Amino acid sequence: MIIRKIEPTISAKRKRVAAYARVSMESESMANSLNAQKDHFQKLIESNSEWEFAGIYAEM
């Protein structure tokens, strides 16, 4: 009996992941909230070895 190992044909690319951050009012405290959201999402995405950080879309 001959055993032949078949390698997967699908590449194990990391998923590109982006985040969306938003605040609904323009004020200094809301700007801090937006920065906190952006920092949180970037750290979250970068902490997952299966994800590639693709950026953040943010609006105020």
PDB file of N, CA and C in Angstrom:
ATOM      1  N   MET A   1       0.841  -1.169   0.000  1.00  0.00           N
ATOM      2  CA  MET A   1       0.000   0.000   0.000  1.00  0.00           C
ATOM      3  C   MET A   1       0.892   1.240   0.000  1.00  0.00           C
ATOM      4  N   ILE A   2       0.589   2.187  -0.883  1.00  0.00           N
ATOM      5  CA  ILE A   2       1.339   3.439  -0.967  1.00  0.00           C
ATOM      6  C   ILE A   2       0.483   4.550  -0.352  1.00  0.00           C
ATOM      7  N   ILE A   3       1.098   5.294   0.558  1.00  0.00           N
ATOM      8  CA  ILE A   3       0.400   6.411   1.193  1.00  0.00           C
ATOM      9  C   ILE A   3       0.999   7.697   0.647  1.00  0.00           C
ATOM     10  N   ARG A   4       0.132   8.560   0.173  1.00  0.00           N
ATOM     11  CA  ARG A   4       0.589   9.840  -0.358  1.00  0.00           C
ATOM     12  C   ARG A   4      -0.109  10.967   0.393  1.00  0.00           C
ATOM     13  N   LYS A   5       0.681  11.869   0.930  1.00  0.00           N
ATOM     14  CA  LYS A   5       0.129  12.999   1.673  1.00  0.00           C
ATOM     15  C   LYS A   5      -0.276  14.085   0.676  1.00  0.00           C
ATOM     16  N   ILE A   6      -1.508  14.561   0.819  1.00  0.00           N
ATOM     17  CA  ILE A   6      -2.013  15.619  -0.056  1.00  0.00           C
ATOM     18  C   ILE A   6      -2.012  16.921   0.733  1.00  0.00           C
ATOM     19  N   GLU A   7      -1.267  17.883   0.232  1.00  0.00           N
ATOM     20  CA  GLU A   7      -1.185  19.182   0.893  1.00  0.00           C
ATOM     21  C   GLU A   7      -2.403  20.020   0.512  1.00  0.00           C
ATOM     22  N   PRO A   8      -2.854  20.870   1.437  1.00  0.00           N
ATOM     23  CA  PRO A   8      -4.006  21.722   1.122  1.00  0.00           C
ATOM     24  C   PRO A   8      -3.658  22.712   0.009  1.00  0.00           C
ATOM     25  N   THR A   9      -4.646  23.010  -0.830  1.00  0.00           N
ATOM     26  CA  THR A   9      -4.428  23.950  -1.928  1.00  0.00           C
ATOM     27  C   THR A   9      -4.823  25.374  -1.539  1.00  0.00           C
ATOM     28  N   ILE A  10      -5.531  25.526  -0.456  1.00  0.00           N
ATOM     29  CA  ILE A  10      -5.931  26.850   0.011  1.00  0.00           C
ATOM     30  C   ILE A  10      -4.799  27.434   0.844  1.00  0.00           C
ATOM     31  N   SER A  11      -4.388  28.651   0.488  1.00  0.00           N
ATOM     32  CA  SER A  11      -3.308  29.266   1.253  1.00  0.00           C
ATOM     33  C   SER A  11      -3.842  29.737   2.608  1.00  0.00           C
ATOM     34  N   ALA A  12      -2.959  29.770   3.564  1.00  0.00           N
ATOM     35  CA  ALA A  12      -3.346  30.154   4.926  1.00  0.00           C
ATOM     36  C   ALA A  12      -3.084  31.641   5.134  1.00  0.00           C
ATOM     37  N   LYS A  13      -3.621  32.478   4.246  1.00  0.00           N
ATOM     38  CA  LYS A  13      -3.433  33.914   4.380  1.00  0.00           C
ATOM     39  C   LYS A  13      -4.199  34.432   5.586  1.00  0.00           C
ATOM     40  N   ARG A  14      -3.639  35.453   6.177  1.00  0.00           N
ATOM     41  CA  ARG A  14      -4.335  36.114   7.279  1.00  0.00           C
ATOM     42  C   ARG A  14      -5.448  36.974   6.703  1.00  0.00           C
ATOM     43  N   LYS A  15      -6.537  37.081   7.438  1.00  0.00           N
ATOM     44  CA  LYS A  15      -7.645  37.929   7.015  1.00  0.00           C
ATOM     45  C   LYS A  15      -7.297  39.381   7.271  1.00  0.00           C
ATOM     46  N   ARG A  16      -7.585  40.231   6.310  1.00  0.00           N
ATOM     47  CA  ARG A  16      -7.393  41.667   6.489  1.00  0.00           C
ATOM     48  C   ARG A  16      -8.622  42.199   7.211  1.00  0.00           C
ATOM     49  N   VAL A  17      -8.399  42.841   8.348  1.00  0.00           N
ATOM     50  CA  VAL A  17      -9.496  43.305   9.189  1.00  0.00           C
ATOM     51  C   VAL A  17      -9.345  44.807   9.426  1.00  0.00           C
ATOM     52  N   ALA A  18     -10.464  45.520   9.261  1.00  0.00           N
ATOM     53  CA  ALA A  18     -10.502  46.954   9.526  1.00  0.00           C
ATOM     54  C   ALA A  18     -11.573  47.217  10.585  1.00  0.00           C
ATOM     55  N   ALA A  19     -11.507  48.383  11.189  1.00  0.00           N
ATOM     56  CA  ALA A  19     -12.489  48.749  12.218  1.00  0.00           C
ATOM     57  C   ALA A  19     -13.189  50.041  11.820  1.00  0.00           C
ATOM     58  N   TYR A  20     -14.359  50.233  12.372  1.00  0.00           N
ATOM     59  CA  TYR A  20     -15.139  51.455  12.180  1.00  0.00           C
ATOM     60  C   TYR A  20     -15.385  52.054  13.552  1.00  0.00           C
ATOM     61  N   ALA A  21     -14.971  53.291  13.750  1.00  0.00           N
ATOM     62  CA  ALA A  21     -15.164  53.978  15.029  1.00  0.00           C
ATOM     63  C   ALA A  21     -15.940  55.262  14.764  1.00  0.00           C
ATOM     64  N   ARG A  22     -16.856  55.599  15.686  1.00  0.00           N
ATOM     65  CA  ARG A  22     -17.691  56.769  15.465  1.00  0.00           C
ATOM     66  C   ARG A  22     -18.143  57.358  16.786  1.00  0.00           C
ATOM     67  N   VAL A  23     -18.224  58.665  16.819  1.00  0.00           N
ATOM     68  CA  VAL A  23     -18.888  59.369  17.917  1.00  0.00           C
ATOM     69  C   VAL A  23     -19.896  60.317  17.283  1.00  0.00           C
ATOM     70  N   SER A  24     -20.969  60.615  18.000  1.00  0.00           N
ATOM     71  CA  SER A  24     -22.054  61.373  17.393  1.00  0.00           C
ATOM     72  C   SER A  24     -22.037  62.862  17.712  1.00  0.00           C
ATOM     73  N   MET A  25     -21.163  63.291  18.613  1.00  0.00           N
ATOM     74  CA  MET A  25     -21.124  64.712  18.966  1.00  0.00           C
ATOM     75  C   MET A  25     -19.681  65.211  18.893  1.00  0.00           C
ATOM     76  N   GLU A  26     -19.524  66.449  18.483  1.00  0.00           N
ATOM     77  CA  GLU A  26     -18.191  67.040  18.417  1.00  0.00           C
ATOM     78  C   GLU A  26     -17.893  67.789  19.708  1.00  0.00           C
ATOM     79  N   SER A  27     -17.055  67.231  20.519  1.00  0.00           N
ATOM     80  CA  SER A  27     -16.582  67.887  21.740  1.00  0.00           C
ATOM     81  C   SER A  27     -15.249  67.258  22.104  1.00  0.00           C
ATOM     82  N   GLU A  28     -14.540  67.887  23.022  1.00  0.00           N
ATOM     83  CA  GLU A  28     -13.225  67.365  23.396  1.00  0.00           C
ATOM     84  C   GLU A  28     -13.340  65.975  24.016  1.00  0.00           C
ATOM     85  N   SER A  29     -14.364  65.772  24.855  1.00  0.00           N
ATOM     86  CA  SER A  29     -14.511  64.451  25.481  1.00  0.00           C
ATOM     87  C   SER A  29     -14.852  63.385  24.443  1.00  0.00           C
ATOM     88  N   MET A  30     -15.617  63.764  23.425  1.00  0.00           N
ATOM     89  CA  MET A  30     -15.948  62.806  22.367  1.00  0.00           C
ATOM     90  C   MET A  30     -14.711  62.499  21.521  1.00  0.00           C
ATOM     91  N   ALA A  31     -13.852  63.482  21.315  1.00  0.00           N
ATOM     92  CA  ALA A  31     -12.605  63.236  20.577  1.00  0.00           C
ATOM     93  C   ALA A  31     -11.747  62.234  21.333  1.00  0.00           C
ATOM     94  N   ASN A  32     -11.720  62.356  22.660  1.00  0.00           N
ATOM     95  CA  ASN A  32     -10.982  61.373  23.470  1.00  0.00           C
ATOM     96  C   ASN A  32     -11.605  59.996  23.335  1.00  0.00           C
ATOM     97  N   SER A  33     -12.946  59.944  23.276  1.00  0.00           N
ATOM     98  CA  SER A  33     -13.646  58.674  23.103  1.00  0.00           C
ATOM     99  C   SER A  33     -13.289  58.049  21.763  1.00  0.00           C
ATOM    100  N   LEU A  34     -13.231  58.868  20.730  1.00  0.00           N
ATOM    101  CA  LEU A  34     -12.877  58.356  19.404  1.00  0.00           C
ATOM    102  C   LEU A  34     -11.463  57.792  19.413  1.00  0.00           C
ATOM    103  N   ASN A  35     -10.535  58.506  20.024  1.00  0.00           N
ATOM    104  CA  ASN A  35      -9.157  58.002  20.121  1.00  0.00           C
ATOM    105  C   ASN A  35      -9.091  56.708  20.918  1.00  0.00           C
ATOM    106  N   ALA A  36      -9.877  56.617  21.979  1.00  0.00           N
ATOM    107  CA  ALA A  36      -9.907  55.389  22.784  1.00  0.00           C
ATOM    108  C   ALA A  36     -10.442  54.215  21.960  1.00  0.00           C
ATOM    109  N   GLN A  37     -11.484  54.465  21.168  1.00  0.00           N
ATOM    110  CA  GLN A  37     -12.031  53.408  20.310  1.00  0.00           C
ATOM    111  C   GLN A  37     -10.994  52.948  19.294  1.00  0.00           C
ATOM    112  N   LYS A  38     -10.321  53.916  18.650  1.00  0.00           N
ATOM    113  CA  LYS A  38      -9.325  53.577  17.642  1.00  0.00           C
ATOM    114  C   LYS A  38      -8.188  52.766  18.250  1.00  0.00           C
ATOM    115  N   ASP A  39      -7.704  53.173  19.415  1.00  0.00           N
ATOM    116  CA  ASP A  39      -6.635  52.426  20.093  1.00  0.00           C
ATOM    117  C   ASP A  39      -7.085  51.013  20.432  1.00  0.00           C
ATOM    118  N   HIS A  40      -8.298  50.903  20.970  1.00  0.00           N
ATOM    119  CA  HIS A  40      -8.832  49.590  21.363  1.00  0.00           C
ATOM    120  C   HIS A  40      -8.912  48.647  20.167  1.00  0.00           C
ATOM    121  N   PHE A  41      -9.525  49.125  19.072  1.00  0.00           N
ATOM    122  CA  PHE A  41      -9.703  48.253  17.915  1.00  0.00           C
ATOM    123  C   PHE A  41      -8.377  47.875  17.274  1.00  0.00           C
ATOM    124  N   GLN A  42      -7.438  48.795  17.212  1.00  0.00           N
ATOM    125  CA  GLN A  42      -6.143  48.471  16.625  1.00  0.00           C
ATOM    126  C   GLN A  42      -5.438  47.397  17.458  1.00  0.00           C
ATOM    127  N   LYS A  43      -5.449  47.548  18.779  1.00  0.00           N
ATOM    128  CA  LYS A  43      -4.813  46.549  19.641  1.00  0.00           C
ATOM    129  C   LYS A  43      -5.512  45.198  19.530  1.00  0.00           C
ATOM    130  N   LEU A  44      -6.842  45.227  19.466  1.00  0.00           N
ATOM    131  CA  LEU A  44      -7.617  43.988  19.350  1.00  0.00           C
ATOM    132  C   LEU A  44      -7.263  43.243  18.067  1.00  0.00           C
ATOM    133  N   ILE A  45      -7.249  43.963  16.956  1.00  0.00           N
ATOM    134  CA  ILE A  45      -6.947  43.330  15.668  1.00  0.00           C
ATOM    135  C   ILE A  45      -5.513  42.822  15.637  1.00  0.00           C
ATOM    136  N   GLU A  46      -4.573  43.630  16.103  1.00  0.00           N
ATOM    137  CA  GLU A  46      -3.159  43.226  16.061  1.00  0.00           C
ATOM    138  C   GLU A  46      -2.836  42.097  17.022  1.00  0.00           C
ATOM    139  N   SER A  47      -3.688  41.856  18.021  1.00  0.00           N
ATOM    140  CA  SER A  47      -3.432  40.773  18.973  1.00  0.00           C
ATOM    141  C   SER A  47      -3.843  39.401  18.434  1.00  0.00           C
ATOM    142  N   ASN A  48      -4.579  39.383  17.327  1.00  0.00           N
ATOM    143  CA  ASN A  48      -5.016  38.125  16.733  1.00  0.00           C
ATOM    144  C   ASN A  48      -4.056  37.751  15.608  1.00  0.00           C
ATOM    145  N   SER A  49      -3.367  36.645  15.761  1.00  0.00           N
ATOM    146  CA  SER A  49      -2.350  36.242  14.783  1.00  0.00           C
ATOM    147  C   SER A  49      -2.951  35.845  13.433  1.00  0.00           C
ATOM    148  N   GLU A  50      -4.258  35.625  13.373  1.00  0.00           N
ATOM    149  CA  GLU A  50      -4.905  35.256  12.113  1.00  0.00           C
ATOM    150  C   GLU A  50      -5.395  36.475  11.344  1.00  0.00           C
ATOM    151  N   TRP A  51      -5.243  37.670  11.921  1.00  0.00           N
ATOM    152  CA  TRP A  51      -5.717  38.902  11.297  1.00  0.00           C
ATOM    153  C   TRP A  51      -4.555  39.801  10.921  1.00  0.00           C
ATOM    154  N   GLU A  52      -4.745  40.549   9.862  1.00  0.00           N
ATOM    155  CA  GLU A  52      -3.807  41.587   9.441  1.00  0.00           C
ATOM    156  C   GLU A  52      -4.526  42.927   9.554  1.00  0.00           C
ATOM    157  N   PHE A  53      -3.945  43.861  10.280  1.00  0.00           N
ATOM    158  CA  PHE A  53      -4.576  45.157  10.494  1.00  0.00           C
ATOM    159  C   PHE A  53      -4.631  45.916   9.168  1.00  0.00           C
ATOM    160  N   ALA A  54      -5.861  46.275   8.723  1.00  0.00           N
ATOM    161  CA  ALA A  54      -6.039  46.954   7.442  1.00  0.00           C
ATOM    162  C   ALA A  54      -6.362  48.430   7.613  1.00  0.00           C
ATOM    163  N   GLY A  55      -6.558  48.874   8.839  1.00  0.00           N
ATOM    164  CA  GLY A  55      -6.812  50.283   9.068  1.00  0.00           C
ATOM    165  C   GLY A  55      -8.094  50.530   9.852  1.00  0.00           C
ATOM    166  N   ILE A  56      -8.368  51.808  10.068  1.00  0.00           N
ATOM    167  CA  ILE A  56      -9.560  52.206  10.813  1.00  0.00           C
ATOM    168  C   ILE A  56     -10.259  53.318  10.046  1.00  0.00           C
ATOM    169  N   TYR A  57     -11.553  53.170   9.878  1.00  0.00           N
ATOM    170  CA  TYR A  57     -12.378  54.242   9.338  1.00  0.00           C
ATOM    171  C   TYR A  57     -13.027  54.907  10.537  1.00  0.00           C
ATOM    172  N   ALA A  58     -12.808  56.190  10.703  1.00  0.00           N
ATOM    173  CA  ALA A  58     -13.353  56.901  11.872  1.00  0.00           C
ATOM    174  C   ALA A  58     -14.049  58.160  11.417  1.00  0.00           C
ATOM    175  N   GLU A  59     -15.180  58.444  12.053  1.00  0.00           N
ATOM    176  CA  GLU A  59     -15.878  59.689  11.769  1.00  0.00           C
ATOM    177  C   GLU A  59     -16.423  60.285  13.037  1.00  0.00           C
ATOM    178  N   MET A  60     -16.583  61.583  12.982  1.00  0.00           N
ATOM    179  CA  MET A  60     -17.055  62.319  14.140  1.00  0.00           C
ATOM    180  C   MET A  60     -18.244  63.146  13.762  1.00  0.00           C
TER     181      MET A  60
END
